[in-house]
PDB file of N, CA and C in Angstrom:
ATOM      1  N   MET A   1       5.270   8.840   2.009  1.00  0.00           N
ATOM      2  CA  MET A   1       4.579   8.021   1.173  1.00  0.00           C
ATOM      3  C   MET A   1       4.663   8.031  -0.424  1.00  0.00           C
ATOM      4  N   ALA A   2       5.538   7.252  -1.054  1.00  0.00           N
ATOM      5  CA  ALA A   2       5.665   7.615  -2.304  1.00  0.00           C
ATOM      6  C   ALA A   2       4.696   7.376  -3.251  1.00  0.00           C
ATOM      7  N   THR A   3       4.358   7.972  -4.397  1.00  0.00           N
ATOM      8  CA  THR A   3       3.499   7.766  -5.383  1.00  0.00           C
ATOM      9  C   THR A   3       3.993   7.351  -6.703  1.00  0.00           C
ATOM     10  N   ASP A   4       3.120   7.101  -7.670  1.00  0.00           N
ATOM     11  CA  ASP A   4       3.763   6.958  -8.989  1.00  0.00           C
ATOM     12  C   ASP A   4       3.983   8.277  -9.487  1.00  0.00           C
ATOM     13  N   LYS A   5       3.405   9.222  -9.421  1.00  0.00           N
ATOM     14  CA  LYS A   5       4.128  10.481  -9.881  1.00  0.00           C
ATOM     15  C   LYS A   5       5.465  10.945  -9.463  1.00  0.00           C
ATOM     16  N   ASP A   6       5.849  10.463  -8.570  1.00  0.00           N
ATOM     17  CA  ASP A   6       7.458  10.781  -7.360  1.00  0.00           C
ATOM     18  C   ASP A   6       8.094   9.740  -8.449  1.00  0.00           C
ATOM     19  N   LEU A   7       7.687   8.489  -8.666  1.00  0.00           N
ATOM     20  CA  LEU A   7       8.790   7.530  -9.265  1.00  0.00           C
ATOM     21  C   LEU A   7       8.862   8.385 -10.747  1.00  0.00           C
ATOM     22  N   ARG A   8       8.021   8.846 -11.461  1.00  0.00           N
ATOM     23  CA  ARG A   8       7.982   9.344 -12.783  1.00  0.00           C
ATOM     24  C   ARG A   8       8.995  10.467 -12.796  1.00  0.00           C
ATOM     25  N   ARG A   9       8.697  11.415 -12.146  1.00  0.00           N
ATOM     26  CA  ARG A   9       9.267  12.846 -11.539  1.00  0.00           C
ATOM     27  C   ARG A   9      10.874  12.296 -11.292  1.00  0.00           C
ATOM     28  N   LEU A  10      11.090  11.738 -10.592  1.00  0.00           N
ATOM     29  CA  LEU A  10      12.369  11.377  -9.986  1.00  0.00           C
ATOM     30  C   LEU A  10      13.554  10.703 -11.184  1.00  0.00           C
ATOM     31  N   ALA A  11      12.347   9.739 -11.903  1.00  0.00           N
ATOM     32  CA  ALA A  11      13.108   8.868 -12.928  1.00  0.00           C
ATOM     33  C   ALA A  11      13.363   9.708 -13.942  1.00  0.00           C
ATOM     34  N   LEU A  12      12.498  10.661 -14.580  1.00  0.00           N
ATOM     35  CA  LEU A  12      12.804  11.451 -15.521  1.00  0.00           C
ATOM     36  C   LEU A  12      14.052  12.715 -15.259  1.00  0.00           C
ATOM     37  N   ASP A  13      14.436  12.761 -14.016  1.00  0.00           N
ATOM     38  CA  ASP A  13      15.160  13.634 -13.262  1.00  0.00           C
ATOM     39  C   ASP A  13      16.555  12.973 -13.704  1.00  0.00           C
ATOM     40  N   LEU A  14      16.660  11.753 -13.925  1.00  0.00           N
ATOM     41  CA  LEU A  14      18.069  11.110 -14.187  1.00  0.00           C
ATOM     42  C   LEU A  14      18.415  11.266 -15.697  1.00  0.00           C
ATOM     43  N   GLU A  15      19.607  11.657 -15.993  1.00  0.00           N
ATOM     44  CA  GLU A  15      20.110  12.084 -16.940  1.00  0.00           C
ATOM     45  C   GLU A  15      19.788  11.068 -18.249  1.00  0.00           C
ATOM     46  N   GLY A  16      19.314  11.273 -19.237  1.00  0.00           N
ATOM     47  CA  GLY A  16      19.112  10.129 -20.352  1.00  0.00           C
ATOM     48  C   GLY A  16      18.131   9.651 -20.402  1.00  0.00           C
ATOM     49  N   THR A  17      17.283   9.638 -19.407  1.00  0.00           N
ATOM     50  CA  THR A  17      15.874   8.582 -18.957  1.00  0.00           C
ATOM     51  C   THR A  17      14.575   8.993 -19.829  1.00  0.00           C
ATOM     52  N   THR A  18      13.841   8.195 -20.446  1.00  0.00           N
ATOM     53  CA  THR A  18      12.864   8.070 -21.422  1.00  0.00           C
ATOM     54  C   THR A  18      11.921   7.109 -20.740  1.00  0.00           C
ATOM     55  N   GLU A  19      10.799   7.727 -21.207  1.00  0.00           N
ATOM     56  CA  GLU A  19       9.473   7.091 -20.477  1.00  0.00           C
ATOM     57  C   GLU A  19       8.953   6.120 -21.999  1.00  0.00           C
ATOM     58  N   ALA A  20       8.179   4.755 -21.808  1.00  0.00           N
ATOM     59  CA  ALA A  20       7.864   4.267 -23.319  1.00  0.00           C
ATOM     60  C   ALA A  20       6.928   3.012 -22.454  1.00  0.00           C
ATOM     61  N   PRO A  21       5.736   2.672 -22.978  1.00  0.00           N
ATOM     62  CA  PRO A  21       5.016   1.582 -22.827  1.00  0.00           C
ATOM     63  C   PRO A  21       6.228   0.209 -23.017  1.00  0.00           C
ATOM     64  N   HIS A  22       5.628  -0.717 -22.071  1.00  0.00           N
ATOM     65  CA  HIS A  22       6.241  -2.211 -22.052  1.00  0.00           C
ATOM     66  C   HIS A  22       5.620  -3.295 -21.501  1.00  0.00           C
ATOM     67  N   PHE A  23       4.915  -3.633 -22.730  1.00  0.00           N
ATOM     68  CA  PHE A  23       4.003  -4.449 -22.516  1.00  0.00           C
ATOM     69  C   PHE A  23       2.781  -3.881 -21.752  1.00  0.00           C
ATOM     70  N   ASP A  24       2.473  -4.571 -20.657  1.00  0.00           N
ATOM     71  CA  ASP A  24       1.221  -3.596 -19.839  1.00  0.00           C
ATOM     72  C   ASP A  24       1.917  -2.682 -18.985  1.00  0.00           C
ATOM     73  N   ARG A  25       2.880  -2.367 -18.901  1.00  0.00           N
ATOM     74  CA  ARG A  25       3.585  -1.746 -17.843  1.00  0.00           C
ATOM     75  C   ARG A  25       4.456  -0.162 -18.558  1.00  0.00           C
ATOM     76  N   THR A  26       4.714   0.626 -17.631  1.00  0.00           N
ATOM     77  CA  THR A  26       5.313   1.968 -18.075  1.00  0.00           C
ATOM     78  C   THR A  26       6.877   1.350 -17.902  1.00  0.00           C
ATOM     79  N   ALA A  27       7.575   1.639 -19.026  1.00  0.00           N
ATOM     80  CA  ALA A  27       9.170   1.379 -18.393  1.00  0.00           C
ATOM     81  C   ALA A  27       9.918   2.710 -18.644  1.00  0.00           C
ATOM     82  N   PHE A  28      11.012   2.798 -17.909  1.00  0.00           N
ATOM     83  CA  PHE A  28      12.135   4.151 -17.785  1.00  0.00           C
ATOM     84  C   PHE A  28      13.344   3.197 -18.011  1.00  0.00           C
ATOM     85  N   LYS A  29      14.014   4.089 -19.127  1.00  0.00           N
ATOM     86  CA  LYS A  29      15.085   3.461 -19.410  1.00  0.00           C
ATOM     87  C   LYS A  29      16.245   4.481 -19.577  1.00  0.00           C
ATOM     88  N   VAL A  30      17.629   3.993 -19.787  1.00  0.00           N
ATOM     89  CA  VAL A  30      18.383   5.237 -20.436  1.00  0.00           C
ATOM     90  C   VAL A  30      19.122   4.227 -21.546  1.00  0.00           C
ATOM     91  N   ALA A  31      20.154   3.351 -21.463  1.00  0.00           N
ATOM     92  CA  ALA A  31      20.483   2.207 -22.504  1.00  0.00           C
ATOM     93  C   ALA A  31      19.540   1.097 -22.520  1.00  0.00           C
ATOM     94  N   ARG A  32      19.256   0.913 -20.875  1.00  0.00           N
ATOM     95  CA  ARG A  32      18.229  -0.731 -20.942  1.00  0.00           C
ATOM     96  C   ARG A  32      17.160  -0.186 -19.916  1.00  0.00           C
ATOM     97  N   ILE A  33      16.179  -0.730 -19.671  1.00  0.00           N
ATOM     98  CA  ILE A  33      15.022  -0.581 -18.795  1.00  0.00           C
ATOM     99  C   ILE A  33      15.814  -0.842 -17.144  1.00  0.00           C
ATOM    100  N   TYR A  34      15.624   0.362 -16.446  1.00  0.00           N
ATOM    101  CA  TYR A  34      15.903   0.281 -15.028  1.00  0.00           C
ATOM    102  C   TYR A  34      14.463  -0.136 -13.917  1.00  0.00           C
ATOM    103  N   VAL A  35      13.525   0.643 -14.668  1.00  0.00           N
ATOM    104  CA  VAL A  35      12.443   0.051 -13.632  1.00  0.00           C
ATOM    105  C   VAL A  35      11.104   0.223 -14.354  1.00  0.00           C
ATOM    106  N   THR A  36       9.868  -0.513 -14.387  1.00  0.00           N
ATOM    107  CA  THR A  36       8.611  -0.143 -14.937  1.00  0.00           C
ATOM    108  C   THR A  36       7.645  -0.210 -13.752  1.00  0.00           C
ATOM    109  N   LEU A  37       6.553   0.579 -13.979  1.00  0.00           N
ATOM    110  CA  LEU A  37       5.687   0.872 -13.220  1.00  0.00           C
ATOM    111  C   LEU A  37       4.339  -0.151 -13.757  1.00  0.00           C
ATOM    112  N   ALA A  38       3.905  -0.787 -12.460  1.00  0.00           N
ATOM    113  CA  ALA A  38       2.516  -1.642 -13.049  1.00  0.00           C
ATOM    114  C   ALA A  38       1.729  -0.673 -13.100  1.00  0.00           C
ATOM    115  N   PRO A  39       0.516  -1.533 -14.203  1.00  0.00           N
ATOM    116  CA  PRO A  39      -0.566  -0.527 -14.379  1.00  0.00           C
ATOM    117  C   PRO A  39      -1.389  -0.115 -13.665  1.00  0.00           C
ATOM    118  N   ASP A  40      -1.810  -0.365 -12.453  1.00  0.00           N
ATOM    119  CA  ASP A  40      -2.548   0.272 -11.717  1.00  0.00           C
ATOM    120  C   ASP A  40      -1.740   1.219 -10.947  1.00  0.00           C
ATOM    121  N   ARG A  41      -0.168   1.642 -10.825  1.00  0.00           N
ATOM    122  CA  ARG A  41       0.440   2.466 -10.486  1.00  0.00           C
ATOM    123  C   ARG A  41       0.646   2.518  -8.830  1.00  0.00           C
ATOM    124  N   LYS A  42       0.543   1.050  -8.609  1.00  0.00           N
ATOM    125  CA  LYS A  42       1.166   1.001  -6.763  1.00  0.00           C
ATOM    126  C   LYS A  42       2.595   0.365  -6.513  1.00  0.00           C
ATOM    127  N   THR A  43       2.810  -0.254  -7.993  1.00  0.00           N
ATOM    128  CA  THR A  43       4.016  -0.918  -7.074  1.00  0.00           C
ATOM    129  C   THR A  43       5.010  -0.903  -8.622  1.00  0.00           C
ATOM    130  N   ALA A  44       5.912  -1.419  -8.301  1.00  0.00           N
ATOM    131  CA  ALA A  44       7.312  -0.618  -9.600  1.00  0.00           C
ATOM    132  C   ALA A  44       8.210  -2.057  -9.038  1.00  0.00           C
ATOM    133  N   ASN A  45       8.687  -2.443 -10.771  1.00  0.00           N
ATOM    134  CA  ASN A  45       9.941  -3.406 -10.703  1.00  0.00           C
ATOM    135  C   ASN A  45      11.348  -2.750 -10.780  1.00  0.00           C
ATOM    136  N   PHE A  46      12.049  -2.847 -10.343  1.00  0.00           N
ATOM    137  CA  PHE A  46      13.535  -2.289 -10.051  1.00  0.00           C
ATOM    138  C   PHE A  46      14.250  -3.570 -10.340  1.00  0.00           C
ATOM    139  N   MET A  47      15.471  -3.145 -11.381  1.00  0.00           N
ATOM    140  CA  MET A  47      16.322  -3.998 -11.802  1.00  0.00           C
ATOM    141  C   MET A  47      17.763  -3.632 -11.038  1.00  0.00           C
ATOM    142  N   PHE A  48      17.675  -4.532  -9.659  1.00  0.00           N
ATOM    143  CA  PHE A  48      18.889  -4.630  -9.014  1.00  0.00           C
ATOM    144  C   PHE A  48      19.836  -5.659  -9.200  1.00  0.00           C
ATOM    145  N   THR A  49      21.180  -5.909  -8.780  1.00  0.00           N
ATOM    146  CA  THR A  49      21.681  -6.759  -8.615  1.00  0.00           C
ATOM    147  C   THR A  49      21.246  -7.962  -7.781  1.00  0.00           C
ATOM    148  N   PRO A  50      21.640  -9.306  -7.521  1.00  0.00           N
ATOM    149  CA  PRO A  50      21.172  -9.964  -6.545  1.00  0.00           C
ATOM    150  C   PRO A  50      21.407  -9.591  -4.747  1.00  0.00           C
ATOM    151  N   GLU A  51      22.257  -9.240  -4.981  1.00  0.00           N
ATOM    152  CA  GLU A  51      23.020  -8.311  -3.823  1.00  0.00           C
ATOM    153  C   GLU A  51      22.346  -7.417  -3.128  1.00  0.00           C
ATOM    154  N   GLU A  52      22.128  -6.396  -4.141  1.00  0.00           N
ATOM    155  CA  GLU A  52      21.367  -5.156  -4.117  1.00  0.00           C
ATOM    156  C   GLU A  52      20.010  -5.727  -3.356  1.00  0.00           C
ATOM    157  N   GLN A  53      19.131  -6.607  -4.165  1.00  0.00           N
ATOM    158  CA  GLN A  53      18.069  -6.622  -3.800  1.00  0.00           C
ATOM    159  C   GLN A  53      17.733  -7.414  -2.361  1.00  0.00           C
ATOM    160  N   GLU A  54      18.780  -8.463  -2.331  1.00  0.00           N
ATOM    161  CA  GLU A  54      18.783  -8.857  -0.663  1.00  0.00           C
ATOM    162  C   GLU A  54      18.852  -7.927   0.073  1.00  0.00           C
ATOM    163  N   PHE A  55      19.783  -6.918   0.072  1.00  0.00           N
ATOM    164  CA  PHE A  55      19.830  -5.824   0.833  1.00  0.00           C
ATOM    165  C   PHE A  55      18.826  -4.992   1.099  1.00  0.00           C
ATOM    166  N   LYS A  56      18.078  -4.577   0.091  1.00  0.00           N
ATOM    167  CA  LYS A  56      16.803  -3.848   0.205  1.00  0.00           C
ATOM    168  C   LYS A  56      15.435  -4.293   0.812  1.00  0.00           C
ATOM    169  N   CYS A  57      15.339  -5.799   0.388  1.00  0.00           N
ATOM    170  CA  CYS A  57      14.570  -6.591   0.847  1.00  0.00           C
ATOM    171  C   CYS A  57      14.906  -7.086   2.592  1.00  0.00           C
ATOM    172  N   MET A  58      16.061  -6.842   3.238  1.00  0.00           N
ATOM    173  CA  MET A  58      16.160  -7.268   4.608  1.00  0.00           C
ATOM    174  C   MET A  58      16.100  -5.738   5.338  1.00  0.00           C
ATOM    175  N   LEU A  59      16.500  -4.933   4.467  1.00  0.00           N
ATOM    176  CA  LEU A  59      16.242  -3.663   5.107  1.00  0.00           C
ATOM    177  C   LEU A  59      14.724  -2.791   5.299  1.00  0.00           C
ATOM    178  N   ALA A  60      13.981  -3.320   4.286  1.00  0.00           N
ATOM    179  CA  ALA A  60      12.510  -2.669   4.168  1.00  0.00           C
ATOM    180  C   ALA A  60      11.745  -3.808   3.791  1.00  0.00           C
ATOM    181  N   PRO A  61      11.475  -4.733   4.380  1.00  0.00           N
ATOM    182  CA  PRO A  61      10.619  -6.284   3.612  1.00  0.00           C
ATOM    183  C   PRO A  61       9.536  -5.946   3.490  1.00  0.00           C
ATOM    184  N   GLU A  62       8.726  -5.096   4.521  1.00  0.00           N
ATOM    185  CA  GLU A  62       7.221  -4.456   3.984  1.00  0.00           C
ATOM    186  C   GLU A  62       7.184  -3.845   2.502  1.00  0.00           C
ATOM    187  N   ALA A  63       8.265  -3.352   1.922  1.00  0.00           N
ATOM    188  CA  ALA A  63       8.141  -2.539   0.589  1.00  0.00           C
ATOM    189  C   ALA A  63       8.785  -3.282  -0.481  1.00  0.00           C
ATOM    190  N   PHE A  64       9.807  -4.035   0.033  1.00  0.00           N
ATOM    191  CA  PHE A  64      10.624  -4.731  -1.319  1.00  0.00           C
ATOM    192  C   PHE A  64      10.270  -6.256  -1.068  1.00  0.00           C
ATOM    193  N   ALA A  65      10.283  -6.858  -2.558  1.00  0.00           N
ATOM    194  CA  ALA A  65      10.279  -8.429  -2.435  1.00  0.00           C
ATOM    195  C   ALA A  65      10.600  -8.744  -3.753  1.00  0.00           C
ATOM    196  N   PRO A  66      11.574  -9.930  -4.028  1.00  0.00           N
ATOM    197  CA  PRO A  66      11.690 -10.256  -5.125  1.00  0.00           C
ATOM    198  C   PRO A  66      10.741 -10.722  -6.014  1.00  0.00           C
ATOM    199  N   VAL A  67      11.087 -10.488  -7.389  1.00  0.00           N
ATOM    200  CA  VAL A  67       9.753 -10.740  -8.311  1.00  0.00           C
ATOM    201  C   VAL A  67       9.802 -12.360  -8.359  1.00  0.00           C
ATOM    202  N   PRO A  68       8.785 -13.011  -8.451  1.00  0.00           N
ATOM    203  CA  PRO A  68       8.813 -14.048  -8.267  1.00  0.00           C
ATOM    204  C   PRO A  68       8.788 -15.100  -9.560  1.00  0.00           C
ATOM    205  N   ASN A  69      10.081 -15.027 -10.239  1.00  0.00           N
ATOM    206  CA  ASN A  69      10.145 -15.514 -11.202  1.00  0.00           C
ATOM    207  C   ASN A  69      11.681 -15.738 -11.630  1.00  0.00           C
ATOM    208  N   ALA A  70      11.928 -16.194 -12.554  1.00  0.00           N
ATOM    209  CA  ALA A  70      13.729 -16.059 -13.030  1.00  0.00           C
ATOM    210  C   ALA A  70      14.001 -14.510 -12.790  1.00  0.00           C
ATOM    211  N   TRP A  71      13.276 -13.704 -13.218  1.00  0.00           N
ATOM    212  CA  TRP A  71      13.874 -12.290 -13.382  1.00  0.00           C
ATOM    213  C   TRP A  71      14.379 -12.393 -11.661  1.00  0.00           C
ATOM    214  N   GLY A  72      13.219 -12.521 -10.665  1.00  0.00           N
ATOM    215  CA  GLY A  72      13.570 -12.442  -9.558  1.00  0.00           C
ATOM    216  C   GLY A  72      15.044 -12.724  -8.984  1.00  0.00           C
ATOM    217  N   LYS A  73      15.374 -13.813  -9.679  1.00  0.00           N
ATOM    218  CA  LYS A  73      16.391 -14.586  -9.291  1.00  0.00           C
ATOM    219  C   LYS A  73      17.787 -13.872  -9.583  1.00  0.00           C
ATOM    220  N   ARG A  74      17.555 -13.076 -10.710  1.00  0.00           N
ATOM    221  CA  ARG A  74      18.735 -12.187 -11.257  1.00  0.00           C
ATOM    222  C   ARG A  74      18.617 -10.719 -10.537  1.00  0.00           C
ATOM    223  N   GLY A  75      17.309 -10.509  -9.865  1.00  0.00           N
ATOM    224  CA  GLY A  75      17.526  -9.261  -9.086  1.00  0.00           C
ATOM    225  C   GLY A  75      16.427  -8.233  -9.483  1.00  0.00           C
ATOM    226  N   ALA A  76      15.645  -8.654 -10.311  1.00  0.00           N
ATOM    227  CA  ALA A  76      14.445  -7.797 -10.020  1.00  0.00           C
ATOM    228  C   ALA A  76      13.458  -8.036  -8.928  1.00  0.00           C
ATOM    229  N   THR A  77      13.047  -6.774  -8.593  1.00  0.00           N
ATOM    230  CA  THR A  77      12.417  -6.574  -7.103  1.00  0.00           C
ATOM    231  C   THR A  77      11.284  -5.544  -7.439  1.00  0.00           C
ATOM    232  N   THR A  78      10.177  -6.054  -6.877  1.00  0.00           N
ATOM    233  CA  THR A  78       9.186  -5.450  -6.645  1.00  0.00           C
ATOM    234  C   THR A  78       9.380  -4.519  -5.835  1.00  0.00           C
ATOM    235  N   ALA A  79       8.748  -3.447  -5.555  1.00  0.00           N
ATOM    236  CA  ALA A  79       8.463  -2.159  -4.482  1.00  0.00           C
ATOM    237  C   ALA A  79       7.020  -1.756  -4.490  1.00  0.00           C
ATOM    238  N   ILE A  80       6.281  -1.648  -3.375  1.00  0.00           N
ATOM    239  CA  ILE A  80       5.135  -1.008  -2.889  1.00  0.00           C
ATOM    240  C   ILE A  80       5.608   0.404  -2.926  1.00  0.00           C
ATOM    241  N   LEU A  81       4.914   0.996  -3.881  1.00  0.00           N
ATOM    242  CA  LEU A  81       5.480   2.352  -3.650  1.00  0.00           C
ATOM    243  C   LEU A  81       5.005   3.052  -2.673  1.00  0.00           C
ATOM    244  N   ALA A  82       3.677   2.829  -1.874  1.00  0.00           N
ATOM    245  CA  ALA A  82       3.044   3.452  -0.544  1.00  0.00           C
ATOM    246  C   ALA A  82       3.594   2.994   0.697  1.00  0.00           C
ATOM    247  N   LYS A  83       4.880   2.273   0.598  1.00  0.00           N
ATOM    248  CA  LYS A  83       5.534   1.685   1.731  1.00  0.00           C
ATOM    249  C   LYS A  83       7.138   2.397   1.766  1.00  0.00           C
ATOM    250  N   LEU A  84       7.149   3.051   0.630  1.00  0.00           N
ATOM    251  CA  LEU A  84       8.637   4.011   0.743  1.00  0.00           C
ATOM    252  C   LEU A  84       8.360   5.350   0.787  1.00  0.00           C
ATOM    253  N   LYS A  85       9.297   5.740   1.726  1.00  0.00           N
ATOM    254  CA  LYS A  85       9.508   7.133   1.719  1.00  0.00           C
ATOM    255  C   LYS A  85      10.012   7.710   0.009  1.00  0.00           C
ATOM    256  N   VAL A  86       9.874   8.914  -0.014  1.00  0.00           N
ATOM    257  CA  VAL A  86      10.519   9.629  -1.294  1.00  0.00           C
ATOM    258  C   VAL A  86      12.035   9.197  -1.454  1.00  0.00           C
ATOM    259  N   ALA A  87      12.454   9.689  -0.662  1.00  0.00           N
ATOM    260  CA  ALA A  87      13.977   9.340  -0.628  1.00  0.00           C
ATOM    261  C   ALA A  87      14.470   8.070  -0.587  1.00  0.00           C
ATOM    262  N   GLU A  88      13.505   6.997  -0.145  1.00  0.00           N
ATOM    263  CA  GLU A  88      13.973   5.286  -0.333  1.00  0.00           C
ATOM    264  C   GLU A  88      13.658   5.362  -1.875  1.00  0.00           C
ATOM    265  N   LEU A  89      12.728   5.468  -2.472  1.00  0.00           N
ATOM    266  CA  LEU A  89      12.497   5.720  -4.010  1.00  0.00           C
ATOM    267  C   LEU A  89      13.180   6.307  -4.745  1.00  0.00           C
ATOM    268  N   LYS A  90      13.921   7.396  -4.528  1.00  0.00           N
ATOM    269  CA  LYS A  90      15.055   8.027  -5.048  1.00  0.00           C
ATOM    270  C   LYS A  90      16.051   7.231  -4.868  1.00  0.00           C
ATOM    271  N   SER A  91      16.783   6.734  -3.769  1.00  0.00           N
ATOM    272  CA  SER A  91      17.773   5.933  -3.886  1.00  0.00           C
ATOM    273  C   SER A  91      17.917   4.542  -4.443  1.00  0.00           C
ATOM    274  N   ALA A  92      16.549   3.795  -4.505  1.00  0.00           N
ATOM    275  CA  ALA A  92      16.258   2.634  -5.370  1.00  0.00           C
ATOM    276  C   ALA A  92      16.610   3.030  -7.123  1.00  0.00           C
ATOM    277  N   LEU A  93      15.928   4.098  -7.146  1.00  0.00           N
ATOM    278  CA  LEU A  93      16.070   4.638  -8.663  1.00  0.00           C
ATOM    279  C   LEU A  93      17.353   4.748  -9.045  1.00  0.00           C
ATOM    280  N   GLU A  94      18.215   5.622  -8.298  1.00  0.00           N
ATOM    281  CA  GLU A  94      19.396   5.892  -8.412  1.00  0.00           C
ATOM    282  C   GLU A  94      20.245   4.489  -8.803  1.00  0.00           C
ATOM    283  N   THR A  95      19.917   3.220  -7.829  1.00  0.00           N
ATOM    284  CA  THR A  95      20.562   2.245  -7.863  1.00  0.00           C
ATOM    285  C   THR A  95      20.591   1.621  -8.850  1.00  0.00           C
ATOM    286  N   ALA A  96      19.160   1.302  -9.233  1.00  0.00           N
ATOM    287  CA  ALA A  96      18.942   0.311 -10.619  1.00  0.00           C
ATOM    288  C   ALA A  96      19.359   1.267 -11.795  1.00  0.00           C
ATOM    289  N   TYR A  97      19.136   2.818 -11.691  1.00  0.00           N
ATOM    290  CA  TYR A  97      19.761   3.267 -13.081  1.00  0.00           C
ATOM    291  C   TYR A  97      21.208   3.507 -13.391  1.00  0.00           C
ATOM    292  N   GLN A  98      22.036   3.139 -12.290  1.00  0.00           N
ATOM    293  CA  GLN A  98      23.414   2.638 -12.697  1.00  0.00           C
ATOM    294  C   GLN A  98      23.603   1.440 -13.720  1.00  0.00           C
ATOM    295  N   HIS A  99      23.052   0.705 -13.310  1.00  0.00           N
ATOM    296  CA  HIS A  99      22.986  -0.852 -13.805  1.00  0.00           C
ATOM    297  C   HIS A  99      22.315  -0.314 -15.539  1.00  0.00           C
ATOM    298  N   ALA A 100      21.827   0.569 -15.851  1.00  0.00           N
ATOM    299  CA  ALA A 100      21.312   0.629 -17.397  1.00  0.00           C
ATOM    300  C   ALA A 100      21.822   1.691 -18.338  1.00  0.00           C
ATOM    301  N   LEU A 101      23.010   2.203 -17.570  1.00  0.00           N
ATOM    302  CA  LEU A 101      23.585   2.815 -18.337  1.00  0.00           C
ATOM    303  C   LEU A 101      24.372   2.307 -19.091  1.00  0.00           C
ATOM    304  N   PRO A 102      24.810   3.455 -20.132  1.00  0.00           N
ATOM    305  CA  PRO A 102      25.547   2.441 -21.416  1.00  0.00           C
ATOM    306  C   PRO A 102      26.878   2.001 -20.991  1.00  0.00           C
ATOM    307  N   LYS A 103      27.140   0.767 -21.626  1.00  0.00           N
ATOM    308  CA  LYS A 103      28.507   0.337 -21.249  1.00  0.00           C
ATOM    309  C   LYS A 103      29.783   1.171 -21.575  1.00  0.00           C
ATOM    310  N   LYS A 104      30.575   1.544 -20.902  1.00  0.00           N
ATOM    311  CA  LYS A 104      31.809   2.241 -21.539  1.00  0.00           C
ATOM    312  C   LYS A 104      32.604   1.251 -22.498  1.00  0.00           C
ATOM    313  N   PRO A 105      33.260   1.615 -23.524  1.00  0.00           N
ATOM    314  CA  PRO A 105      33.998   0.621 -24.175  1.00  0.00           C
ATOM    315  C   PRO A 105      35.240   0.142 -23.495  1.00  0.00           C
ATOM    316  N   LYS A 106      35.583  -1.053 -23.803  1.00  0.00           N
ATOM    317  CA  LYS A 106      36.939  -1.470 -23.004  1.00  0.00           C
ATOM    318  C   LYS A 106      37.902  -0.775 -23.833  1.00  0.00           C
ATOM    319  N   ARG A 107      38.918  -0.268 -23.050  1.00  0.00           N
ATOM    320  CA  ARG A 107      39.957   0.490 -23.573  1.00  0.00           C
ATOM    321  C   ARG A 107      40.979  -0.503 -24.156  1.00  0.00           C
ATOM    322  N   ARG A 108      41.762  -0.458 -25.532  1.00  0.00           N
ATOM    323  CA  ARG A 108      42.634  -1.343 -25.922  1.00  0.00           C
ATOM    324  C   ARG A 108      43.840  -0.953 -25.203  1.00  0.00           C
ATOM    325  N   GLN A 109      44.608  -2.132 -25.161  1.00  0.00           N
ATOM    326  CA  GLN A 109      46.018  -2.044 -24.620  1.00  0.00           C
ATOM    327  C   GLN A 109      46.933  -1.884 -25.668  1.00  0.00           C
ATOM    328  N   LYS A 110      48.006  -1.149 -25.335  1.00  0.00           N
ATOM    329  CA  LYS A 110      49.046  -0.802 -26.746  1.00  0.00           C
ATOM    330  C   LYS A 110      50.008  -2.329 -26.349  1.00  0.00           C
ATOM    331  N   SER A 111      50.481  -2.580 -27.911  1.00  0.00           N
ATOM    332  CA  SER A 111      51.518  -3.816 -27.628  1.00  0.00           C
ATOM    333  C   SER A 111      52.859  -3.251 -27.580  1.00  0.00           C
TER     334      SER A 111
END
């Protein structure tokens, strides 16, 4: 069973991650926010692609559900931490983290 302490530790282990308040939640970000922890510290919202969201929700419907709004349609997914093993939490964090990394500059083609 994963906890908010596991989420914080694992997120901050990912290179460049910082922690900051985000409205009533705690956000973890690199170039962009990739996960937020609820004030009750029992759930977290991950920023997945819609395809990743569908996969996570299919694999572990007791743990993952789309956020019930427009963000959810774009991949934002709520996870119940107590329903996740630490390894599942780590995988979810690593997946969301990849989307939050700074974009690499496009290479200019030589004429």
